[in-house]
Amino acid sequence: MFYCYVAPDSYIFKEGSKSLWFFIIEKGLMHVIIEGKIKKQLRVGDGFGEIALLYKTPRAFSVKACEGCCLWAIDRNTFRKAVEEIIIK
């Protein structure tokens, strides 16, 4: 797990890219973009990127910072282990 900052108007990842991390927003506002169109806003506390991690597929959408954003990132293995533990319980 690591903490990162994303500058305004920067992409954390783009549609079709390889999936390596799950993200949780600690501060800021981000847009989900599909085929160049804004589809959703992500706010503090929102997480994103789980589907691509679970199924080892390319990213289905892009995520762009609307303002300076602070995020927590969790790698694929840690994320999958956490999900498996929840399912077992």
Protein backbone atom coordinates (compact mmCIF):
# COMPACT_ATOMS: atom_id res chain seq x y z
CA MET A 1 0.00 0.00 0.00
CA PHE A 2 1.20 3.49 -0.69
CA TYR A 3 0.00 7.09 -0.56
CA CYS A 4 0.13 9.27 -3.66
CA TYR A 5 -0.75 12.71 -4.94
CA VAL A 6 -2.31 13.32 -8.36
CA ALA A 7 -1.99 16.82 -9.82
CA PRO A 8 -5.05 18.60 -11.26
CA ASP A 9 -5.95 17.48 -14.80
CA SER A 10 -3.70 14.39 -14.52
CA TYR A 11 -4.84 10.84 -15.16
CA ILE A 12 -4.29 8.16 -12.52
CA PHE A 13 -4.86 5.62 -15.30
CA LYS A 14 -6.38 5.48 -18.76
CA GLU A 15 -8.94 3.25 -20.38
CA GLY A 16 -7.32 0.05 -21.69
CA SER A 17 -4.24 0.28 -19.45
CA LYS A 18 -2.93 -2.59 -17.34
CA SER A 19 -4.49 -2.90 -13.89
CA LEU A 20 -2.10 -2.98 -10.95
CA TRP A 21 -3.74 -0.99 -8.16
CA PHE A 22 -7.01 -0.31 -6.34
CA PHE A 23 -7.40 3.31 -5.23
CA ILE A 24 -9.26 5.07 -2.42
CA ILE A 25 -9.67 8.86 -2.49
CA GLU A 26 -8.60 10.61 0.71
CA LYS A 27 -8.83 14.15 -0.68
CA GLY A 28 -10.09 15.65 -3.91
CA LEU A 29 -12.50 15.08 -6.76
CA MET A 30 -11.97 12.87 -9.82
CA HIS A 31 -13.89 12.07 -13.00
CA VAL A 32 -14.55 8.65 -14.52
CA ILE A 33 -14.20 9.00 -18.28
CA ILE A 34 -15.32 6.46 -20.88
CA GLU A 35 -14.57 7.05 -24.56
CA GLY A 36 -13.79 10.69 -23.82
CA LYS A 37 -17.04 11.43 -21.95
CA ILE A 38 -17.37 12.13 -18.22
CA LYS A 39 -19.65 9.46 -16.75
CA LYS A 40 -19.28 9.87 -12.99
CA GLN A 41 -17.62 11.88 -10.23
CA LEU A 42 -15.56 10.19 -7.53
CA ARG A 43 -15.27 11.89 -4.15
CA VAL A 44 -13.56 11.45 -0.79
CA GLY A 45 -14.01 7.87 0.43
CA ASP A 46 -14.75 6.42 -2.99
CA GLY A 47 -12.71 3.48 -4.21
CA PHE A 48 -12.12 2.45 -7.80
CA GLY A 49 -10.27 -0.06 -9.94
CA GLU A 50 -11.50 -3.27 -8.32
CA ILE A 51 -13.07 -5.01 -11.31
CA ALA A 52 -9.92 -4.93 -13.40
CA LEU A 53 -7.92 -6.29 -10.44
CA LEU A 54 -10.32 -9.12 -9.69
CA TYR A 55 -10.56 -10.31 -13.29
CA LYS A 56 -7.10 -9.31 -14.58
CA THR A 57 -8.60 -7.23 -17.36
CA PRO A 58 -7.52 -3.88 -18.82
CA ARG A 59 -9.06 -0.76 -17.30
CA ALA A 60 -12.61 -0.19 -18.58
CA PHE A 61 -12.41 3.58 -18.04
CA SER A 62 -10.02 6.47 -17.38
CA VAL A 63 -9.82 8.40 -14.10
CA LYS A 64 -8.73 12.05 -14.15
CA ALA A 65 -8.16 14.42 -11.22
CA CYS A 66 -10.36 17.54 -11.32
CA GLU A 67 -8.20 19.08 -8.59
CA GLY A 68 -5.18 18.00 -6.59
CA CYS A 69 -6.06 14.57 -5.15
CA CYS A 70 -4.54 12.41 -2.44
CA LEU A 71 -5.07 8.66 -2.81
CA TRP A 72 -4.24 5.40 -1.10
CA ALA A 73 -3.26 2.63 -3.50
CA ILE A 74 -3.43 -1.10 -2.78
CA ASP A 75 -1.63 -3.63 -5.00
CA ARG A 76 -3.43 -6.52 -6.70
CA ASN A 77 -2.24 -9.28 -4.33
CA THR A 78 -3.15 -7.41 -1.16
CA PHE A 79 -6.53 -6.45 -2.59
CA ARG A 80 -7.35 -10.00 -3.71
CA LYS A 81 -6.33 -11.45 -0.33
CA ALA A 82 -8.59 -8.98 1.47
CA VAL A 83 -11.53 -9.86 -0.80
CA GLU A 84 -10.92 -13.60 -0.32
CA GLU A 85 -10.86 -13.18 3.47
CA ILE A 86 -14.20 -11.33 3.36
CA ILE A 87 -15.74 -14.06 1.20
CA ILE A 88 -14.50 -16.83 3.53
CA LYS A 89 -16.04 -15.11 6.57
